[in-house]
Amino acid sequence: MTESQHTAAEAHHHTHGPGCGHLAVIHGDHVDYLHDGHVHREHDGHYDECARCSCPDCTDSCAVCTCEGCTCPTCNHSVCSCEHCGGEPCSSCVCSDCTCATCAHAA
């Protein structure tokens, strides 16, 4: 999901955060809050629905996707393809010369 494409989530009677009662998952550069089939992230003072996996047979959120052979660039479980990275998940890769297309910090 790009910054220009976002879908506002339904209104809540509380602010998501530590102790709000919803499972929090780190997803790239933000935190997603999971509940009732929704995955919300804070965006400019409101909450948006977070991205869904783009794989053809998957309907999960990128924050919790577990589909085998996933090729979605925004899913949390993508593995760095750099030969020297050692199979680190893209969400935690810190290679200074990373060339992996699914790592968040790749140029």
C-alpha atoms as a PDB file:
ATOM      1  CA  MET A   1       0.000   0.000   0.000  1.00  0.00           C
ATOM      2  CA  THR A   2       1.483   3.324  -0.978  1.00  0.00           C
ATOM      3  CA  GLU A   3       1.113   6.574   0.900  1.00  0.00           C
ATOM      4  CA  SER A   4      -1.349   7.880  -1.715  1.00  0.00           C
ATOM      5  CA  GLN A   5      -3.570   4.782  -1.502  1.00  0.00           C
ATOM      6  CA  HIS A   6      -5.188   4.176   1.857  1.00  0.00           C
ATOM      7  CA  THR A   7      -8.556   3.126   3.153  1.00  0.00           C
ATOM      8  CA  ALA A   8      -9.724   4.738   6.374  1.00  0.00           C
ATOM      9  CA  ALA A   9     -10.710   2.227   9.046  1.00  0.00           C
ATOM     10  CA  GLU A  10     -13.961   2.412  10.969  1.00  0.00           C
ATOM     11  CA  ALA A  11     -14.026   4.763  13.948  1.00  0.00           C
ATOM     12  CA  HIS A  12     -13.038   3.459  17.375  1.00  0.00           C
ATOM     13  CA  HIS A  13     -13.954   4.538  20.855  1.00  0.00           C
ATOM     14  CA  HIS A  14     -10.335   4.263  21.945  1.00  0.00           C
ATOM     15  CA  THR A  15      -6.826   4.964  20.684  1.00  0.00           C
ATOM     16  CA  HIS A  16      -4.771   1.954  19.629  1.00  0.00           C
ATOM     17  CA  GLY A  17      -1.612   1.535  21.648  1.00  0.00           C
ATOM     18  CA  PRO A  18      -0.042  -0.472  24.472  1.00  0.00           C
ATOM     19  CA  GLY A  19      -2.753  -1.952  26.648  1.00  0.00           C
ATOM     20  CA  CYS A  20      -5.645  -1.236  24.247  1.00  0.00           C
ATOM     21  CA  GLY A  21      -6.546  -4.920  24.093  1.00  0.00           C
ATOM     22  CA  HIS A  22      -5.639  -5.511  20.441  1.00  0.00           C
ATOM     23  CA  LEU A  23      -2.675  -7.553  19.262  1.00  0.00           C
ATOM     24  CA  ALA A  24       0.108  -5.264  18.010  1.00  0.00           C
ATOM     25  CA  VAL A  25       2.414  -6.450  15.195  1.00  0.00           C
ATOM     26  CA  ILE A  26       5.433  -4.543  13.895  1.00  0.00           C
ATOM     27  CA  HIS A  27       5.070  -4.296  10.108  1.00  0.00           C
ATOM     28  CA  GLY A  28       7.868  -2.486   8.310  1.00  0.00           C
ATOM     29  CA  ASP A  29       7.941   1.117   9.522  1.00  0.00           C
ATOM     30  CA  HIS A  30       4.695   1.025  11.548  1.00  0.00           C
ATOM     31  CA  VAL A  31       2.664  -0.984  14.047  1.00  0.00           C
ATOM     32  CA  ASP A  32      -0.515  -2.768  13.025  1.00  0.00           C
ATOM     33  CA  TYR A  33      -3.322  -3.488  15.482  1.00  0.00           C
ATOM     34  CA  LEU A  34      -5.295  -6.677  14.774  1.00  0.00           C
ATOM     35  CA  HIS A  35      -8.909  -7.248  15.785  1.00  0.00           C
ATOM     36  CA  ASP A  36     -12.170  -8.594  14.408  1.00  0.00           C
ATOM     37  CA  GLY A  37     -10.648  -9.410  11.005  1.00  0.00           C
ATOM     38  CA  HIS A  38      -9.201  -5.916  10.604  1.00  0.00           C
ATOM     39  CA  VAL A  39      -5.623  -4.675  10.642  1.00  0.00           C
ATOM     40  CA  HIS A  40      -5.316  -0.994  11.515  1.00  0.00           C
ATOM     41  CA  ARG A  41      -2.356   1.358  11.353  1.00  0.00           C
ATOM     42  CA  GLU A  42      -2.112   4.998  12.398  1.00  0.00           C
ATOM     43  CA  HIS A  43      -1.891   7.446   9.503  1.00  0.00           C
ATOM     44  CA  ASP A  44      -2.021  11.255   9.780  1.00  0.00           C
ATOM     45  CA  GLY A  45      -4.171  11.295  12.903  1.00  0.00           C
ATOM     46  CA  HIS A  46      -6.572   8.519  11.896  1.00  0.00           C
ATOM     47  CA  TYR A  47      -6.411   4.755  11.326  1.00  0.00           C
ATOM     48  CA  ASP A  48      -6.223   3.022   7.951  1.00  0.00           C
ATOM     49  CA  GLU A  49      -6.737  -0.598   7.017  1.00  0.00           C
ATOM     50  CA  CYS A  50      -3.279  -2.018   6.341  1.00  0.00           C
ATOM     51  CA  ALA A  51      -2.255  -3.815   3.153  1.00  0.00           C
ATOM     52  CA  ARG A  52      -3.460  -7.284   2.190  1.00  0.00           C
ATOM     53  CA  CYS A  53      -1.141  -9.864   0.621  1.00  0.00           C
ATOM     54  CA  SER A  54      -1.039  -9.535  -3.156  1.00  0.00           C
ATOM     55  CA  CYS A  55      -0.481 -13.261  -3.797  1.00  0.00           C
ATOM     56  CA  PRO A  56      -3.384 -14.680  -5.860  1.00  0.00           C
ATOM     57  CA  ASP A  57      -4.414 -17.373  -3.348  1.00  0.00           C
ATOM     58  CA  CYS A  58      -3.999 -15.354  -0.138  1.00  0.00           C
ATOM     59  CA  THR A  59      -6.449 -13.034   1.595  1.00  0.00           C
ATOM     60  CA  ASP A  60      -4.413 -12.392   4.748  1.00  0.00           C
ATOM     61  CA  SER A  61      -3.004  -9.111   5.959  1.00  0.00           C
ATOM     62  CA  CYS A  62       0.654  -8.519   5.121  1.00  0.00           C
ATOM     63  CA  ALA A  63       1.336  -8.161   8.851  1.00  0.00           C
ATOM     64  CA  VAL A  64       0.332 -11.785   9.540  1.00  0.00           C
ATOM     65  CA  CYS A  65       0.538 -13.510   6.126  1.00  0.00           C
ATOM     66  CA  THR A  66       1.807 -17.098   6.212  1.00  0.00           C
ATOM     67  CA  CYS A  67       1.207 -18.207   2.610  1.00  0.00           C
ATOM     68  CA  GLU A  68       3.916 -20.522   1.273  1.00  0.00           C
ATOM     69  CA  GLY A  69       6.148 -19.113  -1.434  1.00  0.00           C
ATOM     70  CA  CYS A  70       4.864 -15.596  -0.830  1.00  0.00           C
ATOM     71  CA  THR A  71       6.097 -13.037  -3.345  1.00  0.00           C
ATOM     72  CA  CYS A  72       4.254 -10.027  -1.932  1.00  0.00           C
ATOM     73  CA  PRO A  73       6.731  -7.178  -1.363  1.00  0.00           C
ATOM     74  CA  THR A  74       4.933  -5.827   1.708  1.00  0.00           C
ATOM     75  CA  CYS A  75       4.408  -9.056   3.677  1.00  0.00           C
ATOM     76  CA  ASN A  76       6.295  -9.391   6.950  1.00  0.00           C
ATOM     77  CA  HIS A  77       7.735 -12.832   6.247  1.00  0.00           C
ATOM     78  CA  SER A  78       9.576 -12.094   3.004  1.00  0.00           C
ATOM     79  CA  VAL A  79      13.183 -13.310   3.300  1.00  0.00           C
ATOM     80  CA  CYS A  80      16.147 -11.228   2.161  1.00  0.00           C
ATOM     81  CA  SER A  81      17.541 -12.526  -1.122  1.00  0.00           C
ATOM     82  CA  CYS A  82      21.075 -11.125  -0.643  1.00  0.00           C
ATOM     83  CA  GLU A  83      23.650 -13.921  -0.761  1.00  0.00           C
ATOM     84  CA  HIS A  84      25.378 -12.705   2.411  1.00  0.00           C
ATOM     85  CA  CYS A  85      22.280 -12.033   4.522  1.00  0.00           C
ATOM     86  CA  GLY A  86      21.726 -15.601   5.693  1.00  0.00           C
ATOM     87  CA  GLY A  87      17.960 -15.776   5.245  1.00  0.00           C
ATOM     88  CA  GLU A  88      17.007 -12.898   7.555  1.00  0.00           C
ATOM     89  CA  PRO A  89      13.415 -11.715   7.261  1.00  0.00           C
ATOM     90  CA  CYS A  90      13.204  -8.522   5.204  1.00  0.00           C
ATOM     91  CA  SER A  91      11.571  -6.790   8.151  1.00  0.00           C
ATOM     92  CA  SER A  92      14.803  -7.101  10.171  1.00  0.00           C
ATOM     93  CA  CYS A  93      17.487  -7.034   7.443  1.00  0.00           C
ATOM     94  CA  VAL A  94      20.260  -4.506   8.125  1.00  0.00           C
ATOM     95  CA  CYS A  95      22.591  -5.211   5.164  1.00  0.00           C
ATOM     96  CA  SER A  96      24.400  -1.995   4.326  1.00  0.00           C
ATOM     97  CA  ASP A  97      24.579  -2.951   0.623  1.00  0.00           C
ATOM     98  CA  CYS A  98      21.203  -4.685   0.337  1.00  0.00           C
ATOM     99  CA  THR A  99      19.896  -5.313  -3.177  1.00  0.00           C
ATOM    100  CA  CYS A 100      16.820  -7.322  -2.173  1.00  0.00           C
ATOM    101  CA  ALA A 101      13.631  -5.988  -3.790  1.00  0.00           C
ATOM    102  CA  THR A 102      11.445  -6.879  -0.787  1.00  0.00           C
ATOM    103  CA  CYS A 103      13.584  -5.369   1.986  1.00  0.00           C
ATOM    104  CA  ALA A 104      12.111  -2.150   3.333  1.00  0.00           C
ATOM    105  CA  HIS A 105      15.435  -0.306   3.369  1.00  0.00           C
ATOM    106  CA  ALA A 106      16.555  -1.297  -0.139  1.00  0.00           C
ATOM    107  CA  ALA A 107      17.210   1.658  -2.424  1.00  0.00           C
END
